[in-house]
């Protein structure tokens, strides 16, 4: 069982071999409650022992299910003695920095294509790009909102 937890933390492990959140699909981890994919170790062990490891949800998805809106990633790296190395933010360095994403998206401008822009309504600030039209150029843009069904009723 402990090996399963260790495997989740291996940075070079292919994502398909990881246990992922049933709600959002992020690989689960038990070591950093302030990071994406966190699940309490006791909850992970309980679900694992019941052979329900594919039904585990991260703490963020659990809170969303209870009606609390929580952003996916806090984008502050801190300052001074509390500063974090940007390479250590995210899950094993797999979270793409905004600048890198923008560089990749600019390539779309040179192609003729339909751009489908998927916005997570539960993490609007984390998935909304203000200058998307500038980035993708004159290509047609189709906007899709996801997770609307998870919004609180009021």
Protein backbone atom coordinates (compact mmCIF):
# COMPACT_ATOMS: atom_id res chain seq x y z
CA UNK A 1 0.00 0.00 0.00
CA UNK A 2 2.79 2.43 0.81
CA UNK A 3 4.34 1.62 -2.57
CA UNK A 4 1.14 2.89 -4.17
CA UNK A 5 1.61 6.25 -2.49
CA UNK A 6 5.28 6.34 -3.51
CA UNK A 7 4.33 5.57 -7.10
CA UNK A 8 1.97 8.55 -7.12
CA UNK A 9 4.90 10.83 -6.30
CA UNK A 10 7.33 9.62 -8.97
CA UNK A 11 7.84 12.56 -11.38
CA UNK A 12 8.68 10.50 -14.49
CA UNK A 13 5.74 8.10 -14.18
CA UNK A 14 3.37 8.26 -17.18
CA UNK A 15 0.04 9.84 -16.27
CA UNK A 16 -1.93 6.79 -17.42
CA UNK A 17 -0.37 4.76 -14.58
CA UNK A 18 -1.50 7.21 -11.91
CA UNK A 19 -4.70 7.14 -9.91
CA UNK A 20 -6.65 10.23 -10.95
CA UNK A 21 -9.48 12.19 -9.38
CA UNK A 22 -12.90 10.95 -10.42
CA UNK A 23 -14.17 14.53 -10.59
CA UNK A 24 -11.52 16.55 -12.43
CA UNK A 25 -9.05 13.93 -13.68
CA UNK A 26 -5.95 15.38 -12.02
CA UNK A 27 -3.46 12.78 -10.72
CA UNK A 28 -3.98 12.30 -6.98
CA UNK A 29 -1.30 13.03 -4.40
CA UNK A 30 -1.23 12.81 -0.60
CA UNK A 31 1.78 14.97 0.28
CA UNK A 32 0.73 18.61 -0.30
CA UNK A 33 -2.74 19.82 0.79
CA UNK A 34 -2.15 23.19 -0.90
CA UNK A 35 -1.56 21.67 -4.31
CA UNK A 36 -3.74 20.16 -7.01
CA UNK A 37 -4.97 16.59 -6.66
CA UNK A 38 -4.64 16.41 -2.89
CA UNK A 39 -6.50 13.65 -1.06
CA UNK A 40 -6.16 12.84 2.63
CA UNK A 41 -3.97 9.78 3.12
CA UNK A 42 -6.59 8.11 5.36
CA UNK A 43 -9.26 8.60 2.67
CA UNK A 44 -6.94 7.19 0.01
CA UNK A 45 -6.16 4.12 2.14
CA UNK A 46 -9.86 3.59 2.95
CA UNK A 47 -10.90 3.69 -0.72
CA UNK A 48 -7.89 1.58 -1.78
CA UNK A 49 -8.74 -1.15 0.75
CA UNK A 50 -12.35 -1.19 -0.50
CA UNK A 51 -11.06 -1.56 -4.08
CA UNK A 52 -12.59 1.82 -4.94
CA UNK A 53 -9.36 3.53 -5.99
CA UNK A 54 -10.90 4.73 -9.26
CA UNK A 55 -13.68 6.48 -7.32
CA UNK A 56 -11.46 8.77 -5.23
CA UNK A 57 -12.02 12.52 -5.54
CA UNK A 58 -9.50 15.23 -4.67
CA UNK A 59 -10.26 17.66 -1.85
CA UNK A 60 -11.16 20.42 -4.31
CA UNK A 61 -13.78 18.28 -6.07
CA UNK A 62 -15.16 17.17 -2.70
CA UNK A 63 -15.59 20.82 -1.70
CA UNK A 64 -17.19 21.63 -5.05
CA UNK A 65 -19.66 18.80 -4.48
CA UNK A 66 -20.56 20.38 -1.13
CA UNK A 67 -21.19 23.75 -2.79
CA UNK A 68 -17.92 25.54 -2.00
CA UNK A 69 -16.17 27.26 -4.89
CA UNK A 70 -12.40 26.92 -4.65
CA UNK A 71 -9.86 27.92 -7.33
CA UNK A 72 -7.78 25.10 -8.77
CA UNK A 73 -4.34 26.65 -8.21
CA UNK A 74 -3.15 29.54 -6.12
CA UNK A 75 -0.76 31.32 -8.44
CA UNK A 76 1.35 33.02 -5.77
CA UNK A 77 4.87 31.76 -5.27
CA UNK A 78 5.35 33.74 -2.08
CA UNK A 79 8.27 36.00 -1.31
CA UNK A 80 11.34 36.12 0.90
CA UNK A 81 11.94 33.01 3.01
CA UNK A 82 8.52 31.58 2.05
CA UNK A 83 9.15 31.76 -1.73
CA UNK A 84 8.66 28.55 -3.72
CA UNK A 85 10.68 27.47 -6.72
CA UNK A 86 8.38 27.79 -9.78
CA UNK A 87 9.56 24.36 -10.98
CA UNK A 88 8.10 22.77 -7.84
CA UNK A 89 4.65 24.32 -8.21
CA UNK A 90 1.98 22.01 -9.61
CA UNK A 91 1.98 18.24 -9.80
CA UNK A 92 5.52 17.07 -10.47
CA UNK A 93 6.20 20.01 -12.77
CA UNK A 94 3.35 18.99 -15.08
CA UNK A 95 1.43 22.26 -14.71
CA UNK A 96 2.24 24.47 -17.70
CA UNK A 97 3.22 28.08 -16.83
CA UNK A 98 1.00 30.77 -18.40
CA UNK A 99 3.84 32.13 -20.55
CA UNK A 100 4.57 28.70 -22.06
CA UNK A 101 0.88 28.14 -22.78
CA UNK A 102 0.62 31.53 -24.48
CA UNK A 103 3.65 30.73 -26.68
CA UNK A 104 2.08 27.41 -27.71
CA UNK A 105 -1.29 29.00 -28.44
CA UNK A 106 0.26 31.69 -30.65
CA UNK A 107 1.04 28.95 -33.19
CA UNK A 108 -2.73 28.67 -33.77
CA UNK A 109 -2.71 32.17 -35.25
CA UNK A 110 -0.65 30.88 -38.21
CA UNK A 111 -3.11 28.07 -39.00
CA UNK A 112 -6.60 28.15 -40.41
CA UNK A 113 -8.74 26.33 -37.85
CA UNK A 114 -11.75 26.46 -35.56
CA UNK A 115 -10.68 27.23 -31.99
CA UNK A 116 -12.75 25.50 -29.32
CA UNK A 117 -12.14 27.33 -26.05
CA UNK A 118 -13.21 25.31 -23.01
CA UNK A 119 -13.75 27.33 -19.83
CA UNK A 120 -14.07 25.65 -16.43
CA UNK A 121 -16.91 27.67 -14.85
CA UNK A 122 -15.77 26.54 -11.40
CA UNK A 123 -12.30 27.92 -12.04
CA UNK A 124 -13.13 30.83 -14.32
CA UNK A 125 -10.09 32.88 -13.28
CA UNK A 126 -7.80 29.91 -13.83
CA UNK A 127 -9.15 29.02 -17.27
CA UNK A 128 -10.06 32.40 -18.77
CA UNK A 129 -7.57 34.08 -21.12
CA UNK A 130 -8.37 37.78 -21.54
CA UNK A 131 -6.38 38.19 -24.74
CA UNK A 132 -7.40 34.96 -26.48
CA UNK A 133 -8.67 36.79 -29.58
CA UNK A 134 -5.25 38.42 -29.97
CA UNK A 135 -3.53 35.07 -29.50
CA UNK A 136 -5.60 33.04 -31.99
CA UNK A 137 -6.03 35.79 -34.59
CA UNK A 138 -8.97 35.77 -37.01
CA UNK A 139 -9.78 32.08 -36.56
CA UNK A 140 -13.40 31.36 -35.59
CA UNK A 141 -13.78 30.92 -31.83
CA UNK A 142 -16.30 28.61 -30.16
CA UNK A 143 -16.61 29.02 -26.35
CA UNK A 144 -17.75 26.06 -24.21
CA UNK A 145 -18.43 26.21 -20.47
CA UNK A 146 -17.85 23.00 -18.50
CA UNK A 147 -18.91 21.83 -15.04
CA UNK A 148 -22.07 23.97 -15.07
CA UNK A 149 -23.86 21.00 -13.51
CA UNK A 150 -21.59 21.27 -10.43
CA UNK A 151 -22.56 24.87 -9.65
CA UNK A 152 -24.54 25.34 -6.42
CA UNK A 153 -28.30 25.71 -7.06
CA UNK A 154 -28.43 29.24 -5.59
